[in-house]
Amino acid sequence: MPRIQRDRDLSRKRARKAKLKKFRAQYASAKNETEKQEIFEKARRISPFVTFEDE
């Protein structure tokens, strides 16, 4: 049976949440500000209103 829209939405939301979790870990272990800025820009492309604790 094909997936309904709600299932696709939930799947996208879960994938986005997992990616943001990965980006937060990378951000926390980043050595300098340029690395942090690059990671933050990638996260913003996925979720425009995301905030990290350091920012």
PDB file of N, CA and C in Angstrom:
ATOM      1  N   MET A   1       0.846  -1.172   0.000  1.00  0.00           N
ATOM      2  CA  MET A   1       0.000   0.000   0.000  1.00  0.00           C
ATOM      3  C   MET A   1       0.901   1.249   0.000  1.00  0.00           C
ATOM      4  N   PRO A   2       0.560   2.250  -0.783  1.00  0.00           N
ATOM      5  CA  PRO A   2       1.390   3.454  -0.826  1.00  0.00           C
ATOM      6  C   PRO A   2       1.310   4.253   0.479  1.00  0.00           C
ATOM      7  N   ARG A   3       2.357   5.016   0.717  1.00  0.00           N
ATOM      8  CA  ARG A   3       2.396   5.843   1.920  1.00  0.00           C
ATOM      9  C   ARG A   3       1.500   7.059   1.742  1.00  0.00           C
ATOM     10  N   ILE A   4       0.866   7.436   2.828  1.00  0.00           N
ATOM     11  CA  ILE A   4       0.023   8.625   2.786  1.00  0.00           C
ATOM     12  C   ILE A   4       0.863   9.848   3.147  1.00  0.00           C
ATOM     13  N   GLN A   5       0.314  11.007   2.920  1.00  0.00           N
ATOM     14  CA  GLN A   5       1.063  12.254   3.121  1.00  0.00           C
ATOM     15  C   GLN A   5       1.566  12.397   4.555  1.00  0.00           C
ATOM     16  N   ARG A   6       0.764  12.016   5.514  1.00  0.00           N
ATOM     17  CA  ARG A   6       1.160  12.147   6.923  1.00  0.00           C
ATOM     18  C   ARG A   6       2.415  11.323   7.211  1.00  0.00           C
ATOM     19  N   ASP A   7       2.481  10.110   6.651  1.00  0.00           N
ATOM     20  CA  ASP A   7       3.660   9.272   6.848  1.00  0.00           C
ATOM     21  C   ASP A   7       4.904   9.919   6.247  1.00  0.00           C
ATOM     22  N   ARG A   8       4.755  10.508   5.067  1.00  0.00           N
ATOM     23  CA  ARG A   8       5.892  11.181   4.432  1.00  0.00           C
ATOM     24  C   ARG A   8       6.335  12.383   5.262  1.00  0.00           C
ATOM     25  N   ASP A   9       5.371  13.131   5.780  1.00  0.00           N
ATOM     26  CA  ASP A   9       5.692  14.289   6.617  1.00  0.00           C
ATOM     27  C   ASP A   9       6.445  13.870   7.883  1.00  0.00           C
ATOM     28  N   LEU A  10       5.966  12.818   8.523  1.00  0.00           N
ATOM     29  CA  LEU A  10       6.620  12.343   9.737  1.00  0.00           C
ATOM     30  C   LEU A  10       8.030  11.843   9.443  1.00  0.00           C
ATOM     31  N   SER A  11       8.190  11.166   8.323  1.00  0.00           N
ATOM     32  CA  SER A  11       9.502  10.669   7.938  1.00  0.00           C
ATOM     33  C   SER A  11      10.478  11.818   7.714  1.00  0.00           C
ATOM     34  N   ARG A  12      10.022  12.859   7.029  1.00  0.00           N
ATOM     35  CA  ARG A  12      10.867  14.031   6.805  1.00  0.00           C
ATOM     36  C   ARG A  12      11.231  14.706   8.122  1.00  0.00           C
ATOM     37  N   LYS A  13      10.264  14.791   9.026  1.00  0.00           N
ATOM     38  CA  LYS A  13      10.499  15.420  10.327  1.00  0.00           C
ATOM     39  C   LYS A  13      11.533  14.638  11.133  1.00  0.00           C
ATOM     40  N   ARG A  14      11.424  13.302  11.105  1.00  0.00           N
ATOM     41  CA  ARG A  14      12.384  12.469  11.834  1.00  0.00           C
ATOM     42  C   ARG A  14      13.787  12.586  11.240  1.00  0.00           C
ATOM     43  N   ALA A  15      13.878  12.611   9.916  1.00  0.00           N
ATOM     44  CA  ALA A  15      15.180  12.742   9.259  1.00  0.00           C
ATOM     45  C   ALA A  15      15.798  14.096   9.577  1.00  0.00           C
ATOM     46  N   ARG A  16      14.979  15.142   9.568  1.00  0.00           N
ATOM     47  CA  ARG A  16      15.460  16.487   9.881  1.00  0.00           C
ATOM     48  C   ARG A  16      15.971  16.543  11.324  1.00  0.00           C
ATOM     49  N   LYS A  17      15.239  15.924  12.230  1.00  0.00           N
ATOM     50  CA  LYS A  17      15.633  15.915  13.638  1.00  0.00           C
ATOM     51  C   LYS A  17      16.960  15.177  13.829  1.00  0.00           C
ATOM     52  N   ALA A  18      17.139  14.066  13.122  1.00  0.00           N
ATOM     53  CA  ALA A  18      18.383  13.300  13.225  1.00  0.00           C
ATOM     54  C   ALA A  18      19.560  14.095  12.670  1.00  0.00           C
ATOM     55  N   LYS A  19      19.351  14.768  11.541  1.00  0.00           N
ATOM     56  CA  LYS A  19      20.423  15.569  10.948  1.00  0.00           C
ATOM     57  C   LYS A  19      20.808  16.725  11.866  1.00  0.00           C
ATOM     58  N   LEU A  20      19.815  17.375  12.456  1.00  0.00           N
ATOM     59  CA  LEU A  20      20.108  18.488  13.354  1.00  0.00           C
ATOM     60  C   LEU A  20      20.863  18.008  14.593  1.00  0.00           C
ATOM     61  N   LYS A  21      20.542  16.821  15.063  1.00  0.00           N
ATOM     62  CA  LYS A  21      21.257  16.254  16.203  1.00  0.00           C
ATOM     63  C   LYS A  21      22.725  16.038  15.839  1.00  0.00           C
ATOM     64  N   LYS A  22      22.964  15.532  14.619  1.00  0.00           N
ATOM     65  CA  LYS A  22      24.326  15.329  14.144  1.00  0.00           C
ATOM     66  C   LYS A  22      25.065  16.666  14.022  1.00  0.00           C
ATOM     67  N   PHE A  23      24.388  17.675  13.482  1.00  0.00           N
ATOM     68  CA  PHE A  23      25.008  18.987  13.332  1.00  0.00           C
ATOM     69  C   PHE A  23      25.310  19.621  14.686  1.00  0.00           C
ATOM     70  N   ARG A  24      24.443  19.416  15.667  1.00  0.00           N
ATOM     71  CA  ARG A  24      24.700  19.966  17.001  1.00  0.00           C
ATOM     72  C   ARG A  24      25.946  19.340  17.620  1.00  0.00           C
ATOM     73  N   ALA A  25      26.113  18.029  17.415  1.00  0.00           N
ATOM     74  CA  ALA A  25      27.302  17.351  17.936  1.00  0.00           C
ATOM     75  C   ALA A  25      28.558  17.864  17.241  1.00  0.00           C
ATOM     76  N   GLN A  26      28.484  18.043  15.929  1.00  0.00           N
ATOM     77  CA  GLN A  26      29.630  18.576  15.186  1.00  0.00           C
ATOM     78  C   GLN A  26      29.941  19.997  15.641  1.00  0.00           C
ATOM     79  N   TYR A  27      28.910  20.776  15.864  1.00  0.00           N
ATOM     80  CA  TYR A  27      29.080  22.170  16.292  1.00  0.00           C
ATOM     81  C   TYR A  27      29.774  22.227  17.650  1.00  0.00           C
ATOM     82  N   ALA A  28      29.375  21.346  18.545  1.00  0.00           N
ATOM     83  CA  ALA A  28      29.963  21.336  19.883  1.00  0.00           C
ATOM     84  C   ALA A  28      31.434  20.938  19.846  1.00  0.00           C
ATOM     85  N   SER A  29      31.812  20.082  18.900  1.00  0.00           N
ATOM     86  CA  SER A  29      33.200  19.631  18.833  1.00  0.00           C
ATOM     87  C   SER A  29      34.043  20.438  17.850  1.00  0.00           C
ATOM     88  N   ALA A  30      33.459  21.453  17.227  1.00  0.00           N
ATOM     89  CA  ALA A  30      34.205  22.276  16.270  1.00  0.00           C
ATOM     90  C   ALA A  30      35.295  23.063  16.994  1.00  0.00           C
ATOM     91  N   LYS A  31      36.425  23.194  16.327  1.00  0.00           N
ATOM     92  CA  LYS A  31      37.586  23.828  16.946  1.00  0.00           C
ATOM     93  C   LYS A  31      37.556  25.348  16.859  1.00  0.00           C
ATOM     94  N   ASN A  32      37.145  25.892  15.705  1.00  0.00           N
ATOM     95  CA  ASN A  32      37.211  27.344  15.540  1.00  0.00           C
ATOM     96  C   ASN A  32      35.889  27.898  15.009  1.00  0.00           C
ATOM     97  N   GLU A  33      35.824  29.194  14.923  1.00  0.00           N
ATOM     98  CA  GLU A  33      34.576  29.865  14.534  1.00  0.00           C
ATOM     99  C   GLU A  33      34.185  29.608  13.078  1.00  0.00           C
ATOM    100  N   THR A  34      35.165  29.432  12.188  1.00  0.00           N
ATOM    101  CA  THR A  34      34.807  29.190  10.780  1.00  0.00           C
ATOM    102  C   THR A  34      34.123  27.842  10.619  1.00  0.00           C
ATOM    103  N   GLU A  35      34.618  26.821  11.323  1.00  0.00           N
ATOM    104  CA  GLU A  35      33.966  25.509  11.288  1.00  0.00           C
ATOM    105  C   GLU A  35      32.553  25.615  11.857  1.00  0.00           C
ATOM    106  N   LYS A  36      32.425  26.316  12.961  1.00  0.00           N
ATOM    107  CA  LYS A  36      31.113  26.474  13.584  1.00  0.00           C
ATOM    108  C   LYS A  36      30.146  27.187  12.652  1.00  0.00           C
ATOM    109  N   GLN A  37      30.635  28.210  11.960  1.00  0.00           N
ATOM    110  CA  GLN A  37      29.782  28.960  11.039  1.00  0.00           C
ATOM    111  C   GLN A  37      29.328  28.086   9.872  1.00  0.00           C
ATOM    112  N   GLU A  38      30.229  27.253   9.325  1.00  0.00           N
ATOM    113  CA  GLU A  38      29.878  26.361   8.222  1.00  0.00           C
ATOM    114  C   GLU A  38      28.801  25.368   8.649  1.00  0.00           C
ATOM    115  N   ILE A  39      28.968  24.791   9.820  1.00  0.00           N
ATOM    116  CA  ILE A  39      27.995  23.824  10.330  1.00  0.00           C
ATOM    117  C   ILE A  39      26.653  24.507  10.574  1.00  0.00           C
ATOM    118  N   PHE A  40      26.694  25.708  11.129  1.00  0.00           N
ATOM    119  CA  PHE A  40      25.462  26.443  11.405  1.00  0.00           C
ATOM    120  C   PHE A  40      24.722  26.779  10.112  1.00  0.00           C
ATOM    121  N   GLU A  41      25.458  27.140   9.054  1.00  0.00           N
ATOM    122  CA  GLU A  41      24.827  27.439   7.764  1.00  0.00           C
ATOM    123  C   GLU A  41      24.156  26.204   7.169  1.00  0.00           C
ATOM    124  N   LYS A  42      24.792  25.042   7.304  1.00  0.00           N
ATOM    125  CA  LYS A  42      24.191  23.798   6.820  1.00  0.00           C
ATOM    126  C   LYS A  42      22.898  23.507   7.579  1.00  0.00           C
ATOM    127  N   ALA A  43      22.929  23.719   8.883  1.00  0.00           N
ATOM    128  CA  ALA A  43      21.740  23.472   9.697  1.00  0.00           C
ATOM    129  C   ALA A  43      20.624  24.438   9.320  1.00  0.00           C
ATOM    130  N   ARG A  44      20.969  25.671   9.001  1.00  0.00           N
ATOM    131  CA  ARG A  44      19.963  26.661   8.611  1.00  0.00           C
ATOM    132  C   ARG A  44      19.272  26.287   7.307  1.00  0.00           C
ATOM    133  N   ARG A  45      19.996  25.611   6.397  1.00  0.00           N
ATOM    134  CA  ARG A  45      19.367  25.165   5.153  1.00  0.00           C
ATOM    135  C   ARG A  45      18.306  24.104   5.416  1.00  0.00           C
ATOM    136  N   ILE A  46      18.531  23.293   6.433  1.00  0.00           N
ATOM    137  CA  ILE A  46      17.576  22.240   6.772  1.00  0.00           C
ATOM    138  C   ILE A  46      16.404  22.815   7.553  1.00  0.00           C
ATOM    139  N   SER A  47      16.717  23.638   8.543  1.00  0.00           N
ATOM    140  CA  SER A  47      15.701  24.214   9.416  1.00  0.00           C
ATOM    141  C   SER A  47      16.028  25.690   9.641  1.00  0.00           C
ATOM    142  N   PRO A  48      15.341  26.597   8.969  1.00  0.00           N
ATOM    143  CA  PRO A  48      15.701  28.018   8.982  1.00  0.00           C
ATOM    144  C   PRO A  48      15.685  28.687  10.360  1.00  0.00           C
ATOM    145  N   PHE A  49      14.917  28.181  11.288  1.00  0.00           N
ATOM    146  CA  PHE A  49      14.799  28.839  12.589  1.00  0.00           C
ATOM    147  C   PHE A  49      15.549  28.112  13.696  1.00  0.00           C
ATOM    148  N   VAL A  50      16.461  27.231  13.330  1.00  0.00           N
ATOM    149  CA  VAL A  50      17.208  26.465  14.322  1.00  0.00           C
ATOM    150  C   VAL A  50      18.147  27.387  15.095  1.00  0.00           C
ATOM    151  N   THR A  51      18.323  27.090  16.376  1.00  0.00           N
ATOM    152  CA  THR A  51      19.287  27.826  17.193  1.00  0.00           C
ATOM    153  C   THR A  51      20.164  26.814  17.911  1.00  0.00           C
ATOM    154  N   PHE A  52      21.425  27.153  18.036  1.00  0.00           N
ATOM    155  CA  PHE A  52      22.348  26.333  18.805  1.00  0.00           C
ATOM    156  C   PHE A  52      22.625  27.074  20.100  1.00  0.00           C
ATOM    157  N   GLU A  53      23.045  26.362  21.122  1.00  0.00           N
ATOM    158  CA  GLU A  53      23.217  26.947  22.439  1.00  0.00           C
ATOM    159  C   GLU A  53      24.264  28.055  22.439  1.00  0.00           C
ATOM    160  N   ASP A  54      25.339  27.891  21.687  1.00  0.00           N
ATOM    161  CA  ASP A  54      26.421  28.878  21.663  1.00  0.00           C
ATOM    162  C   ASP A  54      26.017  30.168  20.976  1.00  0.00           C
ATOM    163  N   GLU A  55      25.167  30.091  19.994  1.00  0.00           N
ATOM    164  CA  GLU A  55      24.811  31.268  19.188  1.00  0.00           C
ATOM    165  C   GLU A  55      24.015  32.279  19.971  1.00  0.00           C
TER     166      GLU A  55
END
